[in-house]
C-alpha atoms as a PDB file:
ATOM      1  CA  MET A   1      -8.933 -11.718  -4.585  1.00  0.00           C
ATOM      2  CA  ASP A   2      -9.434 -13.475  -1.265  1.00  0.00           C
ATOM      3  CA  MET A   3      -7.017 -13.227   1.655  1.00  0.00           C
ATOM      4  CA  ASN A   4      -5.493 -16.686   1.086  1.00  0.00           C
ATOM      5  CA  THR A   5      -4.739 -15.923  -2.548  1.00  0.00           C
ATOM      6  CA  ALA A   6      -3.277 -12.550  -1.583  1.00  0.00           C
ATOM      7  CA  ALA A   7      -1.099 -14.194   1.081  1.00  0.00           C
ATOM      8  CA  GLU A   8       0.153 -16.818  -1.391  1.00  0.00           C
ATOM      9  CA  LEU A   9       0.960 -14.137  -3.941  1.00  0.00           C
ATOM     10  CA  ALA A  10       2.779 -12.049  -1.323  1.00  0.00           C
ATOM     11  CA  ALA A  11       4.839 -15.076  -0.267  1.00  0.00           C
ATOM     12  CA  LYS A  12       5.789 -15.857  -3.875  1.00  0.00           C
ATOM     13  CA  ARG A  13       6.644 -12.237  -4.607  1.00  0.00           C
ATOM     14  CA  ALA A  14       8.331 -11.362  -1.304  1.00  0.00           C
ATOM     15  CA  ASN A  15      11.539 -10.196  -2.995  1.00  0.00           C
ATOM     16  CA  ASP A  16       9.608  -8.062  -5.481  1.00  0.00           C
ATOM     17  CA  LEU A  17       7.523  -6.569  -2.673  1.00  0.00           C
ATOM     18  CA  GLU A  18      10.639  -5.832  -0.639  1.00  0.00           C
ATOM     19  CA  HIS A  19      12.189  -4.051  -3.621  1.00  0.00           C
ATOM     20  CA  ILE A  20       9.021  -1.962  -4.104  1.00  0.00           C
ATOM     21  CA  VAL A  21       8.783  -1.074  -0.405  1.00  0.00           C
ATOM     22  CA  HIS A  22      12.427   0.013  -0.267  1.00  0.00           C
ATOM     23  CA  SER A  23      12.254   1.970  -3.515  1.00  0.00           C
ATOM     24  CA  GLU A  24      12.294   5.763  -3.526  1.00  0.00           C
ATOM     25  CA  ASP A  25       8.533   5.786  -4.178  1.00  0.00           C
ATOM     26  CA  GLY A  26       7.980   3.258  -1.399  1.00  0.00           C
ATOM     27  CA  GLN A  27       9.874   5.395   1.077  1.00  0.00           C
ATOM     28  CA  LYS A  28       7.938   8.518   0.049  1.00  0.00           C
ATOM     29  CA  VAL A  29       4.617   6.687   0.499  1.00  0.00           C
ATOM     30  CA  LYS A  30       5.819   5.430   3.885  1.00  0.00           C
ATOM     31  CA  SER A  31       6.628   8.997   4.899  1.00  0.00           C
ATOM     32  CA  ILE A  32       3.171  10.189   3.822  1.00  0.00           C
ATOM     33  CA  MET A  33       1.499   7.368   5.744  1.00  0.00           C
ATOM     34  CA  GLU A  34       3.567   8.066   8.853  1.00  0.00           C
ATOM     35  CA  GLN A  35       2.204  11.626   8.915  1.00  0.00           C
ATOM     36  CA  ASP A  36      -1.302  10.200   9.337  1.00  0.00           C
ATOM     37  CA  SER A  37      -0.301   7.093  11.266  1.00  0.00           C
ATOM     38  CA  GLU A  38      -2.518   7.656  14.306  1.00  0.00           C
ATOM     39  CA  GLN A  39      -5.622   8.313  12.217  1.00  0.00           C
ATOM     40  CA  LEU A  40      -4.815   5.339   9.981  1.00  0.00           C
ATOM     41  CA  LYS A  41      -4.237   3.061  12.963  1.00  0.00           C
ATOM     42  CA  GLN A  42      -7.510   4.121  14.568  1.00  0.00           C
ATOM     43  CA  ALA A  43      -9.395   3.680  11.286  1.00  0.00           C
ATOM     44  CA  MET A  44      -8.004   0.164  10.893  1.00  0.00           C
ATOM     45  CA  GLN A  45      -8.877  -0.763  14.467  1.00  0.00           C
ATOM     46  CA  THR A  46     -12.428   0.503  14.179  1.00  0.00           C
ATOM     47  CA  GLY A  47     -13.002  -0.628  10.612  1.00  0.00           C
ATOM     48  CA  ASP A  48     -13.656   2.940   9.452  1.00  0.00           C
ATOM     49  CA  MET A  49     -13.631   2.246   5.720  1.00  0.00           C
ATOM     50  CA  SER A  50     -14.354   5.894   4.901  1.00  0.00           C
ATOM     51  CA  ALA A  51     -11.190   7.052   6.655  1.00  0.00           C
ATOM     52  CA  LEU A  52      -9.140   4.248   5.082  1.00  0.00           C
ATOM     53  CA  LYS A  53     -10.466   5.112   1.634  1.00  0.00           C
ATOM     54  CA  GLN A  54      -9.641   8.769   2.208  1.00  0.00           C
ATOM     55  CA  THR A  55      -6.062   7.863   3.140  1.00  0.00           C
ATOM     56  CA  PHE A  56      -5.571   5.669   0.087  1.00  0.00           C
ATOM     57  CA  ASP A  57      -7.246   8.208  -2.190  1.00  0.00           C
ATOM     58  CA  HIS A  58      -4.747  10.762  -0.905  1.00  0.00           C
ATOM     59  CA  LEU A  59      -1.853   8.371  -1.560  1.00  0.00           C
ATOM     60  CA  MET A  60      -3.104   7.632  -5.063  1.00  0.00           C
ATOM     61  CA  SER A  61      -3.277  11.357  -5.798  1.00  0.00           C
ATOM     62  CA  THR A  62       0.497  11.597  -5.355  1.00  0.00           C
ATOM     63  CA  GLU A  63       2.863  10.661  -8.186  1.00  0.00           C
ATOM     64  CA  GLU A  64       4.768   8.300  -5.915  1.00  0.00           C
ATOM     65  CA  GLY A  65       1.650   6.561  -4.656  1.00  0.00           C
ATOM     66  CA  ALA A  66       0.274   6.074  -8.145  1.00  0.00           C
ATOM     67  CA  ARG A  67       3.597   4.639  -9.360  1.00  0.00           C
ATOM     68  CA  LEU A  68       3.846   2.372  -6.316  1.00  0.00           C
ATOM     69  CA  ILE A  69       0.341   0.980  -6.835  1.00  0.00           C
ATOM     70  CA  GLY A  70       1.104   0.584 -10.545  1.00  0.00           C
ATOM     71  CA  SER A  71       4.238  -1.407  -9.681  1.00  0.00           C
ATOM     72  CA  ILE A  72       2.268  -3.671  -7.356  1.00  0.00           C
ATOM     73  CA  GLN A  73      -0.430  -4.184  -9.982  1.00  0.00           C
ATOM     74  CA  GLN A  74       2.170  -5.116 -12.605  1.00  0.00           C
ATOM     75  CA  MET A  75       3.799  -7.544 -10.184  1.00  0.00           C
ATOM     76  CA  MET A  76       0.456  -9.219  -9.502  1.00  0.00           C
ATOM     77  CA  GLN A  77      -0.165  -9.769 -13.210  1.00  0.00           C
ATOM     78  CA  LYS A  78       3.060 -11.729 -13.678  1.00  0.00           C
END
């Protein structure tokens, strides 16, 4: 999926995305990401894909992260 398509989908599904982000799982994932926020920010700024992958692999290994990604995937298929 290219960036334009992703942006269009996000705009169409803004309410669904907001619900997911504010869900219990969304808040737990946010908390996990905040713990590593400096490393994540630096990885994004430098384009360190290895560090970004490691962060998302860690998130996906949690029950909340897996459910959150599953919810986003389901939303995208609608």
